[in-house]
Protein backbone atom coordinates (compact mmCIF):
# COMPACT_ATOMS: atom_id res chain seq x y z
CA UNK A 1 -2.86 -15.40 -5.33
CA UNK A 2 -3.01 -13.38 -8.55
CA UNK A 3 -3.47 -14.69 -12.07
CA UNK A 4 0.25 -14.88 -12.82
CA UNK A 5 0.90 -16.92 -9.69
CA UNK A 6 -1.95 -19.28 -10.58
CA UNK A 7 -0.63 -19.82 -14.10
CA UNK A 8 2.88 -20.43 -12.79
CA UNK A 9 1.58 -22.92 -10.26
CA UNK A 10 -0.53 -24.67 -12.88
CA UNK A 11 2.55 -25.01 -15.10
CA UNK A 12 4.55 -26.56 -12.29
CA UNK A 13 1.74 -28.92 -11.32
CA UNK A 14 1.31 -30.01 -14.90
CA UNK A 15 4.85 -31.38 -14.90
CA UNK A 16 4.06 -33.73 -12.03
CA UNK A 17 0.37 -34.36 -12.64
CA UNK A 18 -0.66 -37.94 -12.04
CA UNK A 19 2.92 -38.85 -11.16
CA UNK A 20 1.63 -41.49 -8.80
CA UNK A 21 -0.18 -43.35 -11.59
CA UNK A 22 2.27 -45.60 -13.43
CA UNK A 23 -0.01 -45.72 -16.43
CA UNK A 24 0.24 -41.95 -17.03
CA UNK A 25 3.73 -41.08 -15.78
CA UNK A 26 5.98 -40.39 -18.79
CA UNK A 27 9.14 -40.78 -16.69
CA UNK A 28 7.92 -44.25 -15.79
CA UNK A 29 7.68 -45.20 -19.44
CA UNK A 30 11.06 -43.67 -20.25
CA UNK A 31 12.74 -46.05 -17.82
CA UNK A 32 10.77 -49.08 -18.94
CA UNK A 33 12.06 -51.45 -21.66
CA UNK A 34 8.89 -52.35 -23.56
CA UNK A 35 10.66 -55.14 -25.43
CA UNK A 36 11.20 -57.04 -22.18
CA UNK A 37 7.58 -56.86 -21.03
CA UNK A 38 5.54 -60.05 -20.94
CA UNK A 39 2.72 -60.41 -23.42
CA UNK A 40 0.08 -60.23 -20.67
CA UNK A 41 1.67 -57.00 -19.32
CA UNK A 42 1.52 -55.40 -22.75
CA UNK A 43 -2.14 -56.38 -23.10
CA UNK A 44 -2.95 -54.93 -19.67
CA UNK A 45 -1.27 -51.58 -20.46
CA UNK A 46 -3.05 -51.41 -23.82
CA UNK A 47 -6.41 -52.27 -22.25
CA UNK A 48 -5.88 -49.50 -19.67
CA UNK A 49 -5.51 -47.10 -22.61
CA UNK A 50 -8.60 -48.47 -24.38
CA UNK A 51 -6.45 -49.78 -27.22
CA UNK A 52 -6.78 -53.12 -29.07
CA UNK A 53 -4.99 -55.97 -27.31
CA UNK A 54 -4.80 -58.42 -30.20
CA UNK A 55 -1.82 -59.21 -32.42
CA UNK A 56 1.74 -60.42 -32.11
CA UNK A 57 4.02 -59.15 -29.36
CA UNK A 58 5.95 -56.91 -31.79
CA UNK A 59 2.67 -55.29 -32.83
CA UNK A 60 1.63 -54.78 -29.17
CA UNK A 61 4.97 -53.06 -28.39
CA UNK A 62 4.62 -50.75 -31.42
CA UNK A 63 1.04 -49.86 -30.51
CA UNK A 64 1.94 -49.06 -26.89
CA UNK A 65 5.03 -47.02 -27.89
CA UNK A 66 2.98 -44.90 -30.32
CA UNK A 67 0.37 -44.24 -27.63
CA UNK A 68 3.03 -43.18 -25.11
CA UNK A 69 4.60 -40.78 -27.64
CA UNK A 70 1.19 -39.29 -28.47
CA UNK A 71 0.65 -38.63 -24.75
CA UNK A 72 4.05 -36.95 -24.52
CA UNK A 73 3.32 -34.65 -27.43
CA UNK A 74 -0.09 -33.74 -26.00
CA UNK A 75 1.41 -32.93 -22.60
CA UNK A 76 4.14 -30.81 -24.21
CA UNK A 77 1.54 -28.88 -26.21
CA UNK A 78 -0.40 -28.23 -22.99
CA UNK A 79 2.73 -26.98 -21.22
CA UNK A 80 3.60 -24.75 -24.18
CA UNK A 81 0.09 -23.28 -24.07
CA UNK A 82 0.40 -22.60 -20.34
CA UNK A 83 3.77 -20.93 -20.86
CA UNK A 84 2.40 -18.76 -23.67
CA UNK A 85 -0.57 -17.76 -21.51
CA UNK A 86 1.78 -16.93 -18.66
CA UNK A 87 3.87 -14.69 -20.92
CA UNK A 88 0.79 -12.97 -22.36
CA UNK A 89 -0.50 -12.21 -18.87
CA UNK A 90 2.94 -11.02 -17.77
CA UNK A 91 3.01 -8.58 -20.69
CA UNK A 92 -0.47 -7.32 -19.77
CA UNK A 93 0.54 -7.00 -16.13
CA UNK A 94 3.41 -4.74 -17.16
CA UNK A 95 0.84 -2.29 -18.55
CA UNK A 96 -1.01 -2.07 -15.23
CA UNK A 97 -3.75 -4.01 -13.54
CA UNK A 98 -6.69 -2.87 -11.42
CA UNK A 99 -7.08 -4.89 -8.22
CA UNK A 100 -10.20 -4.76 -6.06
CA UNK A 101 -11.36 -6.08 -2.70
CA UNK A 102 -14.32 -5.58 -0.35
CA UNK A 103 -18.09 -5.54 -0.49
CA UNK A 104 -19.79 -5.92 -3.83
CA UNK A 105 -23.56 -5.75 -3.40
CA UNK A 106 -23.96 -3.38 -6.36
CA UNK A 107 -21.29 -4.90 -8.59
CA UNK A 108 -18.83 -2.18 -7.63
CA UNK A 109 -15.84 -4.53 -7.80
CA UNK A 110 -16.35 -5.04 -11.54
CA UNK A 111 -15.77 -8.80 -11.37
CA UNK A 112 -19.00 -9.84 -13.08
CA UNK A 113 -20.92 -10.77 -9.93
CA UNK A 114 -22.12 -9.37 -6.60
CA UNK A 115 -20.07 -11.57 -4.29
CA UNK A 116 -17.75 -9.80 -1.81
CA UNK A 117 -14.01 -10.46 -1.89
CA UNK A 118 -11.74 -10.74 1.13
CA UNK A 119 -8.51 -10.85 -0.89
CA UNK A 120 -7.32 -8.73 -3.80
CA UNK A 121 -8.64 -9.77 -7.22
CA UNK A 122 -7.66 -8.34 -10.62
CA UNK A 123 -10.27 -7.05 -13.04
CA UNK A 124 -9.16 -9.07 -16.04
CA UNK A 125 -11.03 -7.00 -18.61
CA UNK A 126 -8.95 -3.93 -17.72
CA UNK A 127 -5.56 -5.59 -18.06
CA UNK A 128 -3.37 -4.14 -20.74
CA UNK A 129 -5.39 -0.92 -21.05
CA UNK A 130 -2.77 1.19 -19.23
CA UNK A 131 -5.11 2.42 -16.52
CA UNK A 132 -3.90 5.71 -15.03
CA UNK A 133 -6.63 6.56 -12.51
CA UNK A 134 -9.23 4.65 -10.49
CA UNK A 135 -12.00 6.41 -8.57
CA UNK A 136 -14.73 4.91 -6.36
CA UNK A 137 -18.04 6.30 -5.18
CA UNK A 138 -20.63 4.94 -2.78
CA UNK A 139 -21.31 1.92 -4.99
CA UNK A 140 -19.86 2.93 -8.36
CA UNK A 141 -16.35 3.02 -9.76
CA UNK A 142 -14.57 4.56 -12.73
CA UNK A 143 -11.18 4.26 -14.33
CA UNK A 144 -9.27 6.24 -16.94
CA UNK A 145 -6.72 4.87 -19.37
CA UNK A 146 -3.63 6.39 -20.90
CA UNK A 147 -5.68 6.95 -24.06
CA UNK A 148 -8.20 9.02 -22.04
CA UNK A 149 -10.89 6.36 -22.33
CA UNK A 150 -13.27 6.05 -19.39
CA UNK A 151 -14.85 2.87 -18.01
CA UNK A 152 -17.54 2.61 -15.33
CA UNK A 153 -19.24 -0.17 -13.37
CA UNK A 154 -21.40 -0.82 -10.32
CA UNK A 155 -24.44 0.92 -8.77
CA UNK A 156 -26.71 -1.90 -10.02
CA UNK A 157 -26.77 -0.03 -13.31
CA UNK A 158 -28.90 2.84 -12.03
CA UNK A 159 -26.33 5.14 -10.39
CA UNK A 160 -24.09 7.87 -11.84
CA UNK A 161 -22.34 5.75 -14.48
CA UNK A 162 -22.04 8.65 -16.96
CA UNK A 163 -24.14 6.65 -19.41
CA UNK A 164 -27.76 5.62 -19.70
CA UNK A 165 -28.32 1.88 -19.72
CA UNK A 166 -31.49 0.40 -21.14
CA UNK A 167 -33.66 -1.90 -19.04
CA UNK A 168 -32.40 -4.79 -21.11
CA UNK A 169 -28.76 -3.85 -20.48
CA UNK A 170 -29.45 -3.47 -16.76
CA UNK A 171 -31.18 -6.85 -16.60
CA UNK A 172 -28.29 -8.47 -18.48
CA UNK A 173 -25.82 -7.13 -15.92
CA UNK A 174 -23.78 -4.74 -18.06
CA UNK A 175 -22.98 -2.88 -14.85
CA UNK A 176 -21.24 -5.88 -13.29
CA UNK A 177 -18.11 -5.35 -15.35
CA UNK A 178 -16.25 -2.26 -16.62
CA UNK A 179 -18.21 -0.72 -19.49
CA UNK A 180 -16.80 1.82 -21.90
CA UNK A 181 -18.36 5.25 -21.31
CA UNK A 182 -19.30 6.20 -24.85
CA UNK A 183 -20.52 9.76 -24.04
CA UNK A 184 -16.99 10.73 -22.94
CA UNK A 185 -15.27 9.21 -25.97
CA UNK A 186 -13.03 11.72 -27.71
CA UNK A 187 -13.26 14.30 -24.89
CA UNK A 188 -9.69 13.60 -23.70
CA UNK A 189 -10.69 13.19 -20.06
CA UNK A 190 -7.76 13.43 -17.65
CA UNK A 191 -9.41 13.26 -14.23
CA UNK A 192 -12.64 12.11 -12.58
CA UNK A 193 -14.13 12.73 -9.13
CA UNK A 194 -17.28 11.18 -7.70
CA UNK A 195 -19.72 12.13 -4.97
CA UNK A 196 -22.53 10.15 -3.37
CA UNK A 197 -24.76 10.37 -6.43
CA UNK A 198 -22.93 12.44 -9.03
CA UNK A 199 -19.72 12.50 -11.00
CA UNK A 200 -17.50 15.18 -12.45
CA UNK A 201 -14.69 15.03 -15.00
CA UNK A 202 -12.29 17.43 -16.69
CA UNK A 203 -10.62 17.26 -20.07
CA UNK A 204 -7.09 18.16 -20.96
CA UNK A 205 -8.45 21.38 -22.48
CA UNK A 206 -10.05 22.37 -19.17
CA UNK A 207 -13.70 21.55 -19.89
CA UNK A 208 -15.76 20.44 -16.88
CA UNK A 209 -18.40 17.70 -17.27
CA UNK A 210 -20.92 16.59 -14.64
CA UNK A 211 -23.60 13.90 -14.50
CA UNK A 212 -25.88 12.07 -12.07
CA UNK A 213 -28.50 13.29 -9.64
CA UNK A 214 -28.94 17.02 -8.99
CA UNK A 215 -31.32 17.32 -6.05
CA UNK A 216 -28.92 19.75 -4.34
CA UNK A 217 -27.60 21.42 -7.48
CA UNK A 218 -24.38 19.40 -7.30
CA UNK A 219 -24.08 19.23 -11.10
CA UNK A 220 -23.59 22.99 -11.44
CA UNK A 221 -25.91 23.20 -14.44
CA UNK A 222 -28.22 25.82 -12.93
CA UNK A 223 -31.10 23.38 -12.40
CA UNK A 224 -32.05 20.48 -10.15
CA UNK A 225 -32.72 18.10 -13.02
CA UNK A 226 -30.77 14.82 -13.10
CA UNK A 227 -28.58 14.01 -16.09
CA UNK A 228 -27.47 10.39 -16.57
CA UNK A 229 -24.92 11.40 -19.22
CA UNK A 230 -22.12 14.01 -18.96
CA UNK A 231 -23.03 17.66 -19.51
CA UNK A 232 -20.62 20.59 -19.84
CA UNK A 233 -20.84 23.13 -17.01
CA UNK A 234 -21.63 26.10 -19.21
CA UNK A 235 -20.94 28.81 -16.64
CA UNK A 236 -17.28 27.77 -16.56
CA UNK A 237 -17.02 27.14 -20.28
CA UNK A 238 -16.43 30.62 -21.66
CA UNK A 239 -13.62 32.07 -19.57
CA UNK A 240 -12.30 29.40 -17.18
CA UNK A 241 -9.98 26.46 -17.68
CA UNK A 242 -10.49 23.79 -15.02
CA UNK A 243 -7.41 21.93 -13.87
CA UNK A 244 -8.78 19.96 -10.90
CA UNK A 245 -12.13 18.94 -9.43
CA UNK A 246 -13.22 17.46 -6.11
CA UNK A 247 -16.58 16.08 -5.00
CA UNK A 248 -18.17 15.90 -1.59
CA UNK A 249 -21.36 14.09 -0.72
CA UNK A 250 -23.53 16.71 -2.43
CA UNK A 251 -21.20 19.50 -3.46
CA UNK A 252 -18.45 20.05 -6.01
CA UNK A 253 -15.26 22.12 -6.12
CA UNK A 254 -13.37 23.20 -9.22
CA UNK A 255 -9.91 24.74 -9.42
CA UNK A 256 -9.07 26.92 -12.42
CA UNK A 257 -5.77 27.50 -14.20
CA UNK A 258 -5.60 30.99 -12.67
CA UNK A 259 -5.84 29.47 -9.17
CA UNK A 260 -9.46 30.40 -8.45
CA UNK A 261 -11.89 28.04 -6.73
CA UNK A 262 -15.53 27.62 -7.68
CA UNK A 263 -18.09 25.70 -5.62
CA UNK A 264 -21.67 24.54 -6.10
CA UNK A 265 -24.23 22.18 -4.61
CA UNK A 266 -25.46 21.87 -1.02
CA UNK A 267 -24.49 24.82 1.18
CA UNK A 268 -25.10 23.13 4.53
CA UNK A 269 -22.44 23.66 7.21
CA UNK A 270 -20.66 26.18 5.00
CA UNK A 271 -19.04 23.44 2.93
CA UNK A 272 -19.08 25.66 -0.18
CA UNK A 273 -16.97 28.33 1.52
CA UNK A 274 -19.19 31.16 0.25
CA UNK A 275 -19.66 32.78 3.69
CA UNK A 276 -23.42 32.42 3.14
CA UNK A 277 -25.25 29.12 3.47
CA UNK A 278 -28.52 30.29 1.93
CA UNK A 279 -29.59 32.12 -1.22
CA UNK A 280 -31.55 35.27 -0.49
CA UNK A 281 -34.99 35.45 -2.07
CA UNK A 282 -35.26 31.72 -2.72
CA UNK A 283 -37.85 29.65 -0.89
CA UNK A 284 -36.85 26.77 1.36
CA UNK A 285 -35.51 24.20 0.96
CA UNK A 286 -33.98 25.27 -2.36
CA UNK A 287 -32.42 28.30 -0.69
CA UNK A 288 -29.80 25.98 0.85
CA UNK A 289 -28.68 24.77 -2.57
CA UNK A 290 -26.44 26.57 -5.07
CA UNK A 291 -27.00 24.99 -8.51
CA UNK A 292 -24.51 27.18 -10.40
CA UNK A 293 -20.76 27.60 -9.85
CA UNK A 294 -19.93 30.38 -7.37
CA UNK A 295 -16.51 31.93 -6.84
CA UNK A 296 -15.04 31.19 -3.40
CA UNK A 297 -14.11 34.79 -2.68
CA UNK A 298 -12.27 33.92 0.51
CA UNK A 299 -9.47 32.40 -1.59
CA UNK A 300 -9.36 35.12 -4.24
CA UNK A 301 -6.04 36.50 -2.99
CA UNK A 302 -4.45 33.10 -2.56
CA UNK A 303 -2.57 31.01 -5.10
CA UNK A 304 -4.52 27.78 -4.77
CA UNK A 305 -2.68 24.65 -5.87
CA UNK A 306 -5.17 21.91 -5.02
CA UNK A 307 -8.60 21.31 -3.51
CA UNK A 308 -10.07 18.27 -1.83
CA UNK A 309 -13.45 17.57 -0.27
CA UNK A 310 -14.97 15.36 2.38
CA UNK A 311 -18.72 14.68 2.40
CA UNK A 312 -19.50 17.98 4.15
CA UNK A 313 -16.26 19.93 4.43
CA UNK A 314 -13.56 21.18 2.07
CA UNK A 315 -9.85 21.98 2.08
CA UNK A 316 -7.52 23.95 -0.17
CA UNK A 317 -3.75 23.77 -0.52
CA UNK A 318 -2.29 27.21 -1.25
CA UNK A 319 1.17 28.66 -1.63
CA UNK A 320 0.75 30.31 1.76
CA UNK A 321 -0.62 27.27 3.59
CA UNK A 322 -3.75 25.18 4.09
CA UNK A 323 -7.36 26.42 4.37
CA UNK A 324 -10.44 24.50 5.50
CA UNK A 325 -14.16 25.19 5.78
CA UNK A 326 -17.50 23.48 6.28
CA UNK A 327 -18.61 21.14 9.03
CA UNK A 328 -16.23 21.18 11.99
CA UNK A 329 -17.69 18.26 13.95
CA UNK A 330 -15.04 15.95 15.33
CA UNK A 331 -12.30 18.54 14.79
CA UNK A 332 -11.97 17.71 11.10
CA UNK A 333 -11.19 21.31 10.10
CA UNK A 334 -8.01 21.38 12.18
CA UNK A 335 -8.67 24.71 13.94
CA UNK A 336 -8.50 23.41 17.50
CA UNK A 337 -12.28 23.29 17.96
CA UNK A 338 -15.36 21.60 16.53
CA UNK A 339 -17.05 24.68 15.09
CA UNK A 340 -18.26 25.06 11.53
CA UNK A 341 -16.55 27.54 9.21
CA UNK A 342 -18.61 29.14 6.43
CA UNK A 343 -15.60 30.64 4.65
CA UNK A 344 -12.04 29.38 4.04
CA UNK A 345 -10.04 29.65 7.25
CA UNK A 346 -6.31 29.18 7.51
CA UNK A 347 -5.15 26.09 9.40
CA UNK A 348 -2.56 27.72 11.64
CA UNK A 349 -0.69 24.49 12.27
CA UNK A 350 0.56 24.70 8.68
CA UNK A 351 1.49 28.40 8.72
CA UNK A 352 4.70 28.95 6.81
CA UNK A 353 4.43 25.72 4.84
CA UNK A 354 4.58 26.38 1.11
CA UNK A 355 3.15 24.14 -1.59
CA UNK A 356 5.04 24.25 -4.89
CA UNK A 357 4.07 20.68 -5.64
CA UNK A 358 0.90 18.76 -4.96
CA UNK A 359 -0.47 15.25 -4.91
CA UNK A 360 -4.19 14.77 -5.23
CA UNK A 361 -6.36 12.21 -3.52
CA UNK A 362 -8.11 9.29 -5.18
CA UNK A 363 -11.14 9.10 -2.88
CA UNK A 364 -12.56 5.85 -1.71
CA UNK A 365 -15.62 4.70 0.10
CA UNK A 366 -17.27 2.13 2.23
CA UNK A 367 -18.48 0.42 -0.91
CA UNK A 368 -15.02 -1.03 -1.60
CA UNK A 369 -13.57 -1.03 1.93
CA UNK A 370 -10.12 -0.47 0.50
CA UNK A 371 -8.98 1.51 -2.45
CA UNK A 372 -8.96 0.26 -6.01
CA UNK A 373 -5.34 0.22 -7.08
CA UNK A 374 -3.64 0.14 -10.44
CA UNK A 375 -0.29 -1.57 -9.95
CA UNK A 376 1.96 -1.73 -13.02
CA UNK A 377 4.92 -4.03 -12.49
CA UNK A 378 7.56 -1.42 -13.24
CA UNK A 379 11.11 -2.30 -12.35
CA UNK A 380 11.78 1.18 -10.98
CA UNK A 381 9.37 0.87 -8.05
CA UNK A 382 11.65 -0.38 -5.30
CA UNK A 383 11.74 -0.03 -1.53
CA UNK A 384 7.98 0.50 -1.45
CA UNK A 385 6.14 -0.22 1.77
CA UNK A 386 2.42 -0.02 2.51
CA UNK A 387 1.19 0.90 5.99
CA UNK A 388 -2.45 0.75 7.00
CA UNK A 389 -4.24 1.66 10.17
CA UNK A 390 -7.94 1.06 10.59
CA UNK A 391 -10.55 -0.82 12.58
CA UNK A 392 -10.01 -4.59 12.66
CA UNK A 393 -13.60 -5.30 11.59
CA UNK A 394 -13.81 -6.08 7.87
CA UNK A 395 -15.88 -3.83 5.60
CA UNK A 396 -15.58 -0.83 7.94
CA UNK A 397 -14.88 2.15 5.76
CA UNK A 398 -12.73 4.39 7.93
CA UNK A 399 -9.04 3.81 7.38
CA UNK A 400 -5.89 5.31 5.97
CA UNK A 401 -3.18 4.14 3.57
CA UNK A 402 0.38 5.46 3.53
CA UNK A 403 3.02 4.78 0.91
CA UNK A 404 6.61 5.08 2.07
CA UNK A 405 9.63 5.58 -0.12
CA UNK A 406 13.14 5.50 1.37
CA UNK A 407 14.74 8.09 -0.88
CA UNK A 408 16.35 11.44 0.05
CA UNK A 409 15.85 14.70 -1.84
CA UNK A 410 16.14 18.48 -1.25
CA UNK A 411 15.34 20.31 1.99
CA UNK A 412 12.32 22.57 2.45
CA UNK A 413 9.11 23.07 4.37
CA UNK A 414 6.43 22.00 1.89
CA UNK A 415 2.91 20.59 2.07
CA UNK A 416 3.13 17.87 -0.55
CA UNK A 417 -0.42 16.54 -0.49
CA UNK A 418 -3.72 17.06 1.26
CA UNK A 419 -6.67 14.66 1.41
CA UNK A 420 -10.09 14.83 3.08
CA UNK A 421 -12.29 12.07 4.42
CA UNK A 422 -15.58 11.85 6.32
CA UNK A 423 -14.35 12.60 9.84
CA UNK A 424 -10.60 12.97 9.37
CA UNK A 425 -7.98 14.40 7.04
CA UNK A 426 -4.33 13.79 6.25
CA UNK A 427 -1.44 15.75 4.82
CA UNK A 428 2.13 14.97 3.82
CA UNK A 429 4.53 17.75 4.85
CA UNK A 430 8.19 17.88 3.90
CA UNK A 431 10.10 18.53 7.11
CA UNK A 432 13.90 19.01 7.01
CA UNK A 433 16.18 17.13 6.79
CA UNK A 434 13.90 15.12 4.50
CA UNK A 435 14.39 16.12 0.90
CA UNK A 436 11.75 13.95 -0.74
CA UNK A 437 8.50 12.86 0.81
CA UNK A 438 7.68 13.96 4.33
CA UNK A 439 5.82 13.40 7.57
CA UNK A 440 2.18 12.38 7.70
CA UNK A 441 -0.09 14.69 9.70
CA UNK A 442 -3.65 13.63 10.59
CA UNK A 443 -6.49 15.34 12.43
CA UNK A 444 -10.18 14.94 13.18
CA UNK A 445 -11.95 11.93 14.68
CA UNK A 446 -10.27 8.55 14.76
CA UNK A 447 -12.59 6.30 16.71
CA UNK A 448 -11.64 3.38 14.49
CA UNK A 449 -7.91 4.05 14.50
CA UNK A 450 -7.83 5.84 11.14
CA UNK A 451 -5.69 8.69 12.51
CA UNK A 452 -2.77 6.40 13.23
CA UNK A 453 -2.23 8.19 16.54
CA UNK A 454 -2.34 5.17 18.83
CA UNK A 455 -5.06 5.37 21.48
CA UNK A 456 -5.84 9.01 20.72
CA UNK A 457 -9.30 9.23 19.14
CA UNK A 458 -9.72 12.95 18.52
CA UNK A 459 -7.09 15.36 17.25
CA UNK A 460 -8.29 18.97 16.86
CA UNK A 461 -5.17 20.28 15.07
CA UNK A 462 -2.84 18.53 12.61
CA UNK A 463 -0.45 16.20 14.38
CA UNK A 464 2.35 14.05 12.92
CA UNK A 465 2.22 10.27 13.16
CA UNK A 466 5.23 9.39 15.31
CA UNK A 467 5.86 5.94 13.86
CA UNK A 468 6.29 7.41 10.36
CA UNK A 469 8.64 10.27 11.25
CA UNK A 470 11.74 8.32 10.23
CA UNK A 471 10.34 7.56 6.80
CA UNK A 472 9.95 9.61 3.65
CA UNK A 473 6.24 9.33 2.90
CA UNK A 474 5.28 10.55 -0.55
CA UNK A 475 1.54 9.82 -0.71
CA UNK A 476 -1.38 9.20 1.63
CA UNK A 477 -4.94 8.17 0.80
CA UNK A 478 -8.02 8.12 2.99
CA UNK A 479 -11.49 6.64 2.67
CA UNK A 480 -14.90 8.20 3.07
CA UNK A 481 -18.41 7.33 4.04
CA UNK A 482 -20.83 8.59 1.43
CA UNK A 483 -24.59 8.20 1.59
CA UNK A 484 -26.68 8.53 -1.55
CA UNK A 485 -28.23 12.01 -1.58
């Protein structure tokens, strides 16, 4: 039950509160002729109200009548206050509310404590702020508002919060609730991505900021030094405008306005797509890490529209189709095998599918079990259904969400969105005669049912989910398992 429901219920209960007690039921008094009461009855009612019982009968009636009217006015004031509170909360709800659920050992739910929640709860401090994006990491979460303000919470105050908390602030639990990220104030941030131990953000002007731990070079600052507060990635500052970023467990991808892709961080499994997984002339183990942005040359001739990253693999959505690279275990790359790819490789199942429009993933993790959602109560959102498929055990992080909209549009063969998770991926593909939305394709490992393919546990190439073929799906989100690096 959300806050609005609780207020509404409280208002209704207030009307009938203590109805069984004759001494406090206003309807009872309304139907009672005080003038006809016996003197001893008047004294008893007055005594029950802790009022004087002495005086003539006329005085007793007056005293009791005034007390009853005072109670009525007090009750009416209480009901008016409840109604005003209900309306205030309804107005705030219209502007969007962040709801959370799941485990909370590091305060990642932002509710002011570390107790887990099994049902959705709103973060009251974020109501009315017009939240436009919510992102979750291993045990940290961020949100952006319409005014480009950023808030962060979780990680026990010591993770990649994009701000440096003092010991006093940590001990006082500042991290238990959304805290305004002062270092990003005025930077006009439009998007945030988060890895296991680092974060990355872009501004509306195309600046790229990173922060957090840098043991694998995942900050792209050319060093392995951690930075608790956001730093501009200087190598991309001079000539590149960043329009999208994606974070894996220990690597980062950035898409530029001229459709180029840059990657940095851990090079294991080929997740950077650089063809090489080691830097020549650099001693181990640092030779496996790329601390500065590197151009993904394998996509240089492609018009890249979007990038997304799992913990140790990456995908790109291009005009000509879909490319994947990195760790191939479990069939997550969609090439029909379980081999790694060190450079972007076309997913043949999507050959011929164009991508003039994209939808990016808001990546979630085991820390929250299900995604943090901002749900404004707009009157235009109708016929919206939510389908989930995942393991029945609570707090297991592998699952998938699908939003379905029953609305037609124009024909075409278009990859609408592409999202990566730990062991599986999903894509929405417009398939005629659908003209808005499309079919959901999943591939990779689905040992906990996250593929939505029934009893099938491993799918080596993208395959549509049969049960959703008759519906126009317009977005799909998947979760990840991220371990702190």
